[in-house]
Amino acid sequence: MSYATQSQTNITVGWSLLARVMLSTLTTVPCCVFLFINGVMLFTLRSKTVFRETSRYILLFNLLLAETIQMVLGQLLYLLAASTIRLTYPVCGVLILFSSLTTSVSPLTLVVMSLERYVAVCYPLRHSAIITIRNTAVAIIVVWTFSSLNILTSVLLLLEFTFEDLESLQMKDFCAMNNMFLDPMSEQYDKAYTCFLFVSAGTVVTSSYIGVMIAARSASTDKASAQKARNTLLLHLVQLGLSLVSTMHNSMLIALSRIVTRIVFVRSQTVFYVCIIIFPRCLSSLIYGIKDHTIRPVLMYHLCCRLKLSVVSAKVSC
């Protein structure tokens, strides 16, 4: 189900060295920038007690961690494909499984974050009793456990394949999720799980949004809090939508390859990879870093290499 690993499809051996270097640079530079931002954001969320002891910041840290791992693995597989390096099935399988694990964690974490906002608006008096640090930790463990069960199922289906039928364990194609579907059952399971995951997540997030909208009309509800929660849930819907689009990345490329020339396809592939695979993985850091008044000053402090904010403001004004 890993959409981060489908970014390297159809990279051919016939490319010149210069073309491969240019494409690798075009994807690696923005990836490194986004990884730096995500890394600073992760450090920020562990730098203050208020972040370590607030449920929504703990959940945000879990989401960013999963997305950062996805970005690293996706770029690694892209560079391996661009360098025409083919892995063995066991090595590729490990990379794909780790990527698939974190890919599943992201939408499930968005579900928990949406429920947290729903409880904050609809049950404000019980929020502190329901959304505790302990319950948040349990929710995160459940998310990773559920995702791990999906990985375990995929491994069991993969083991059903008779590897003796292969000439060797060396892959003939590049390491990607599609190339690891050695058995039709594995592909069918992956599609079914992806559909179930996103339909369920979309239903929960949408229901939370509707519940917050209904609660906002109540006279006893804090209008400002409800408005912030509604905007946050809209953000979660956008994030979920981008994740869903990412799962269709490979299908979009296949359809595009049938209607455009090879040069246009290669260029479009790079743009698609950066916009659909890399950029959404950094969206959480950018949005939360800008809109959250508690995170923003601390994040800016670390992004500016611990320079005082007054010095930074003076330089900007100049």
Protein backbone atom coordinates (compact mmCIF):
# COMPACT_ATOMS: atom_id res chain seq x y z
CA MET A 1 0.00 0.00 0.00
CA SER A 2 3.03 2.23 0.17
CA TYR A 3 2.60 5.18 -2.16
CA ALA A 4 6.00 6.60 -1.19
CA THR A 5 7.66 3.62 -2.86
CA GLN A 6 5.86 4.01 -6.19
CA SER A 7 7.75 7.18 -7.10
CA GLN A 8 10.51 5.35 -8.92
CA THR A 9 8.48 3.44 -11.52
CA ASN A 10 9.47 3.31 -15.17
CA ILE A 11 12.95 4.82 -14.74
CA THR A 12 14.81 3.23 -17.63
CA VAL A 13 18.40 2.11 -17.99
CA GLY A 14 18.74 4.04 -21.24
CA TRP A 15 18.98 7.44 -19.56
CA SER A 16 22.26 9.23 -19.89
CA LEU A 17 24.31 9.83 -16.79
CA LEU A 18 23.65 13.58 -17.01
CA ALA A 19 19.88 13.05 -17.20
CA ARG A 20 19.93 10.77 -14.15
CA VAL A 21 22.06 13.26 -12.17
CA MET A 22 19.75 16.15 -13.07
CA LEU A 23 16.60 14.23 -12.12
CA SER A 24 18.16 13.03 -8.89
CA THR A 25 19.18 16.59 -8.03
CA LEU A 26 15.72 17.98 -8.80
CA THR A 27 14.17 15.56 -6.33
CA THR A 28 16.93 15.39 -3.71
CA VAL A 29 17.25 19.15 -3.13
CA PRO A 30 13.58 19.76 -2.17
CA CYS A 31 13.56 16.47 -0.26
CA CYS A 32 16.57 17.58 1.83
CA VAL A 33 14.94 20.97 2.48
CA PHE A 34 11.71 19.32 3.62
CA LEU A 35 13.60 16.77 5.71
CA PHE A 36 15.42 19.63 7.44
CA ILE A 37 12.12 21.37 8.20
CA ASN A 38 10.55 18.14 9.46
CA GLY A 39 13.62 17.38 11.55
CA VAL A 40 13.54 20.82 13.17
CA MET A 41 9.81 20.44 13.77
CA LEU A 42 10.33 17.06 15.44
CA PHE A 43 13.08 18.52 17.62
CA THR A 44 10.82 21.46 18.48
CA LEU A 45 8.03 19.14 19.62
CA ARG A 46 10.43 17.46 22.05
CA SER A 47 12.15 20.64 23.26
CA LYS A 48 9.43 21.97 25.60
CA THR A 49 7.43 20.38 28.38
CA VAL A 50 4.18 21.82 27.01
CA PHE A 51 4.67 19.89 23.78
CA ARG A 52 5.65 16.65 25.51
CA GLU A 53 2.65 16.78 27.85
CA THR A 54 -0.11 17.89 25.45
CA SER A 55 -1.97 15.17 23.57
CA ARG A 56 -2.40 16.98 20.27
CA TYR A 57 1.31 17.79 20.09
CA ILE A 58 2.20 14.19 20.90
CA LEU A 59 -0.07 13.03 18.08
CA LEU A 60 1.45 15.62 15.75
CA PHE A 61 4.92 14.30 16.60
CA ASN A 62 3.78 10.77 15.75
CA LEU A 63 2.34 11.96 12.42
CA LEU A 64 5.50 13.89 11.51
CA LEU A 65 7.71 10.95 12.46
CA ALA A 66 5.79 8.60 10.16
CA GLU A 67 5.80 11.11 7.29
CA THR A 68 9.52 11.81 7.68
CA ILE A 69 10.33 8.09 7.51
CA GLN A 70 8.14 7.83 4.39
CA MET A 71 10.04 10.68 2.77
CA VAL A 72 13.45 9.17 3.55
CA LEU A 73 12.51 5.72 2.24
CA GLY A 74 10.76 7.12 -0.83
CA GLN A 75 13.78 9.22 -1.79
CA LEU A 76 16.15 6.32 -1.13
CA LEU A 77 14.19 4.06 -3.47
CA TYR A 78 13.96 6.81 -6.07
CA LEU A 79 17.73 7.31 -6.06
CA LEU A 80 18.32 3.55 -6.27
CA ALA A 81 16.05 3.38 -9.32
CA ALA A 82 17.61 6.47 -10.93
CA SER A 83 21.04 4.88 -10.42
CA THR A 84 19.76 1.67 -12.03
CA ILE A 85 20.60 -0.30 -8.90
CA ARG A 86 18.54 -3.46 -8.47
CA LEU A 87 18.17 -5.01 -5.03
CA THR A 88 17.44 -8.55 -3.95
CA TYR A 89 13.88 -9.48 -3.02
CA PRO A 90 14.61 -9.78 0.75
CA VAL A 91 16.32 -6.34 0.94
CA CYS A 92 13.64 -4.68 -1.15
CA GLY A 93 10.95 -6.39 0.90
CA VAL A 94 12.29 -4.96 4.16
CA LEU A 95 12.37 -1.42 2.72
CA ILE A 96 8.87 -1.77 1.27
CA LEU A 97 7.45 -3.13 4.53
CA PHE A 98 8.89 -0.27 6.59
CA SER A 99 7.51 2.23 4.11
CA SER A 100 4.13 0.51 4.06
CA LEU A 101 4.06 0.52 7.87
CA THR A 102 4.53 4.28 8.15
CA THR A 103 2.16 4.87 5.24
CA SER A 104 -0.61 3.18 7.19
CA VAL A 105 0.26 5.05 10.39
CA SER A 106 -0.34 8.50 8.85
CA PRO A 107 -4.09 8.29 8.07
CA LEU A 108 -4.76 6.43 11.31
CA THR A 109 -3.02 9.18 13.28
CA LEU A 110 -5.13 11.76 11.45
CA VAL A 111 -8.20 9.85 12.62
CA VAL A 112 -7.07 10.03 16.26
CA MET A 113 -6.22 13.73 15.91
CA SER A 114 -9.68 14.40 14.46
CA LEU A 115 -11.38 12.58 17.32
CA GLU A 116 -9.32 14.61 19.80
CA ARG A 117 -10.59 17.87 18.25
CA TYR A 118 -14.16 16.52 18.23
CA VAL A 119 -14.00 15.73 21.93
CA ALA A 120 -12.45 19.15 22.68
CA VAL A 121 -15.40 20.97 21.09
CA CYS A 122 -18.35 18.67 21.76
CA TYR A 123 -17.35 17.52 25.26
CA PRO A 124 -15.16 20.32 26.63
CA LEU A 125 -15.85 19.49 30.27
CA ARG A 126 -14.78 15.87 29.79
CA HIS A 127 -11.88 16.57 27.45
CA SER A 128 -9.20 16.56 30.15
CA ALA A 129 -10.54 13.27 31.51
CA ILE A 130 -10.82 11.53 28.13
CA ILE A 131 -7.79 12.92 26.30
CA THR A 132 -5.05 12.11 28.81
CA ILE A 133 -1.37 11.41 28.16
CA ARG A 134 -1.96 7.75 29.01
CA ASN A 135 -4.91 7.43 26.62
CA THR A 136 -2.94 9.20 23.90
CA ALA A 137 -0.06 6.76 24.34
CA VAL A 138 -2.49 3.85 24.15
CA ALA A 139 -4.01 5.28 20.95
CA ILE A 140 -0.56 5.60 19.35
CA ILE A 141 0.32 2.02 20.35
CA VAL A 142 -2.97 0.81 18.82
CA VAL A 143 -2.21 2.71 15.58
CA TRP A 144 1.25 1.16 15.24
CA THR A 145 -0.02 -2.28 16.25
CA PHE A 146 -2.84 -2.20 13.70
CA SER A 147 -0.40 -1.09 11.00
CA SER A 148 2.02 -3.83 12.05
CA LEU A 149 -0.72 -6.45 11.72
CA ASN A 150 -1.20 -5.32 8.13
CA ILE A 151 2.53 -5.79 7.54
CA LEU A 152 2.41 -9.24 9.17
CA THR A 153 -0.46 -10.24 6.89
CA SER A 154 1.47 -9.02 3.84
CA VAL A 155 4.53 -11.02 4.90
CA LEU A 156 2.45 -14.19 5.38
CA LEU A 157 0.93 -13.75 1.92
CA LEU A 158 4.37 -13.18 0.45
CA LEU A 159 5.71 -16.34 2.08
CA GLU A 160 3.00 -18.32 0.27
CA PHE A 161 4.87 -17.64 -2.96
CA THR A 162 7.24 -20.41 -4.06
CA PHE A 163 10.54 -18.57 -4.39
CA GLU A 164 12.07 -21.72 -5.88
CA ASP A 165 10.32 -20.77 -9.13
CA LEU A 166 12.53 -17.68 -9.42
CA GLU A 167 15.83 -17.96 -11.26
CA SER A 168 17.50 -15.96 -8.48
CA LEU A 169 16.63 -13.62 -5.60
CA GLN A 170 18.05 -10.70 -7.60
CA MET A 171 15.20 -8.47 -8.79
CA LYS A 172 14.88 -7.90 -12.53
CA ASP A 173 13.06 -4.62 -11.94
CA PHE A 174 13.60 -1.74 -9.53
CA CYS A 175 12.49 -1.96 -5.92
CA ALA A 176 8.86 -0.85 -5.76
CA MET A 177 5.65 -2.03 -4.16
CA ASN A 178 4.18 -3.26 -7.46
CA ASN A 179 7.26 -5.35 -8.18
CA MET A 180 6.90 -7.09 -4.81
CA PHE A 181 3.44 -8.42 -5.72
CA LEU A 182 4.72 -11.88 -6.65
CA ASP A 183 1.33 -13.42 -6.01
CA PRO A 184 -2.08 -12.07 -7.20
CA MET A 185 -3.47 -12.54 -3.70
CA SER A 186 -0.97 -10.02 -2.28
CA GLU A 187 -2.07 -7.36 -4.76
CA GLN A 188 -5.76 -7.99 -4.07
CA TYR A 189 -5.18 -7.77 -0.33
CA ASP A 190 -3.24 -4.52 -0.71
CA LYS A 191 -6.04 -2.92 -2.73
CA ALA A 192 -8.69 -4.10 -0.27
CA TYR A 193 -6.73 -2.83 2.74
CA THR A 194 -6.06 0.55 1.10
CA CYS A 195 -9.73 0.97 0.26
CA PHE A 196 -10.83 -0.02 3.76
CA LEU A 197 -8.28 2.26 5.42
CA PHE A 198 -9.10 5.43 3.50
CA VAL A 199 -12.85 4.92 3.44
CA SER A 200 -12.85 4.36 7.22
CA ALA A 201 -10.52 7.29 7.89
CA GLY A 202 -12.48 9.59 5.60
CA THR A 203 -15.74 8.61 7.28
CA VAL A 204 -14.38 9.31 10.78
CA VAL A 205 -12.80 12.66 9.88
CA THR A 206 -15.91 13.80 7.97
CA SER A 207 -18.18 12.74 10.82
CA SER A 208 -16.00 14.65 13.28
CA TYR A 209 -16.21 17.73 11.08
CA ILE A 210 -20.02 17.50 10.86
CA GLY A 211 -20.23 16.98 14.63
CA VAL A 212 -18.12 20.09 15.26
CA MET A 213 -20.30 22.13 12.87
CA ILE A 214 -23.45 21.04 14.67
CA ALA A 215 -21.89 21.79 18.06
CA ALA A 216 -20.79 25.24 16.85
CA ARG A 217 -24.46 26.24 16.50
CA SER A 218 -25.08 25.55 20.17
CA ALA A 219 -25.18 28.61 22.41
CA SER A 220 -23.04 26.85 25.05
CA THR A 221 -20.17 26.15 22.66
CA ASP A 222 -17.10 28.37 22.50
CA LYS A 223 -17.39 29.83 18.98
CA ALA A 224 -13.66 30.59 18.64
CA SER A 225 -12.68 27.10 19.74
CA ALA A 226 -15.23 25.54 17.39
CA GLN A 227 -13.94 27.62 14.47
CA LYS A 228 -10.33 26.55 15.12
CA ALA A 229 -11.38 22.91 15.43
CA ARG A 230 -13.34 23.12 12.18
CA ASN A 231 -10.35 24.58 10.34
CA THR A 232 -8.11 21.87 11.79
CA LEU A 233 -10.49 19.13 10.66
CA LEU A 234 -10.59 20.65 7.19
CA LEU A 235 -6.81 20.47 7.19
CA HIS A 236 -7.00 16.79 8.16
CA LEU A 237 -9.40 16.17 5.27
CA VAL A 238 -6.96 17.84 2.88
CA GLN A 239 -4.07 15.76 4.27
CA LEU A 240 -6.13 12.60 3.91
CA GLY A 241 -7.06 13.58 0.36
CA LEU A 242 -3.41 14.13 -0.56
CA SER A 243 -2.55 10.73 0.90
CA LEU A 244 -5.29 9.17 -1.21
CA VAL A 245 -4.04 10.94 -4.35
CA SER A 246 -0.57 9.61 -3.57
CA THR A 247 -1.87 6.05 -3.67
CA MET A 248 -2.97 6.70 -7.26
CA HIS A 249 0.45 8.09 -8.26
CA ASN A 250 1.50 4.99 -10.18
CA SER A 251 -1.81 4.70 -12.04
CA MET A 252 -1.61 8.37 -13.03
CA LEU A 253 1.88 7.86 -14.46
CA ILE A 254 0.79 4.80 -16.44
CA ALA A 255 -2.12 6.74 -17.94
CA LEU A 256 0.13 9.72 -18.70
CA SER A 257 2.74 7.55 -20.43
CA ARG A 258 0.16 6.53 -23.04
CA ILE A 259 -0.63 10.07 -24.21
CA VAL A 260 2.63 12.03 -24.05
CA THR A 261 6.13 11.67 -25.46
CA ARG A 262 8.92 10.06 -23.47
CA ILE A 263 10.66 13.39 -22.73
CA VAL A 264 7.44 14.96 -21.45
CA PHE A 265 6.69 11.85 -19.42
CA VAL A 266 10.09 11.87 -17.68
CA ARG A 267 9.74 15.55 -16.79
CA SER A 268 6.15 15.07 -15.62
CA GLN A 269 7.23 12.10 -13.53
CA THR A 270 9.68 14.26 -11.59
CA VAL A 271 7.07 16.99 -11.06
CA PHE A 272 4.49 14.43 -9.91
CA TYR A 273 6.97 12.89 -7.49
CA VAL A 274 7.88 16.22 -5.88
CA CYS A 275 4.30 17.56 -5.74
CA ILE A 276 2.40 14.37 -4.86
CA ILE A 277 4.93 12.34 -2.88
CA ILE A 278 7.46 14.71 -1.28
CA PHE A 279 5.57 17.96 -0.65
CA PRO A 280 2.55 16.47 1.21
CA ARG A 281 4.98 14.83 3.64
CA CYS A 282 6.12 18.31 4.70
CA LEU A 283 2.68 19.92 4.69
CA SER A 284 2.01 19.21 8.37
CA SER A 285 5.24 20.91 9.49
CA LEU A 286 4.61 23.97 7.34
CA ILE A 287 0.97 24.48 8.32
CA TYR A 288 1.25 23.69 12.03
CA GLY A 289 4.49 25.64 12.26
CA ILE A 290 2.78 28.73 10.86
CA LYS A 291 -0.72 28.59 12.36
CA ASP A 292 0.01 27.31 15.86
CA HIS A 293 0.95 30.26 18.09
CA THR A 294 2.66 27.99 20.62
CA ILE A 295 4.82 26.15 18.10
CA ARG A 296 5.65 29.07 15.81
CA PRO A 297 8.08 31.08 17.99
CA VAL A 298 9.94 27.96 19.17
CA LEU A 299 10.13 26.61 15.62
CA MET A 300 11.45 29.92 14.28
CA TYR A 301 14.01 29.99 17.06
CA HIS A 302 15.39 26.58 16.06
CA LEU A 303 15.11 27.24 12.31
CA CYS A 304 17.22 30.36 12.75
CA CYS A 305 19.94 28.29 14.43
CA ARG A 306 19.03 29.55 17.92
CA LEU A 307 19.49 33.23 17.08
CA LYS A 308 17.31 35.59 19.07
CA LEU A 309 14.01 36.42 17.42
CA SER A 310 14.69 40.12 17.80
CA VAL A 311 17.88 39.80 15.74
CA VAL A 312 16.06 37.85 13.06
CA SER A 313 13.28 40.45 12.92
CA ALA A 314 15.83 43.25 12.61
CA LYS A 315 17.52 41.55 9.67
CA VAL A 316 14.20 40.92 7.94
CA SER A 317 13.13 44.55 8.38
CA CYS A 318 16.41 45.68 6.81
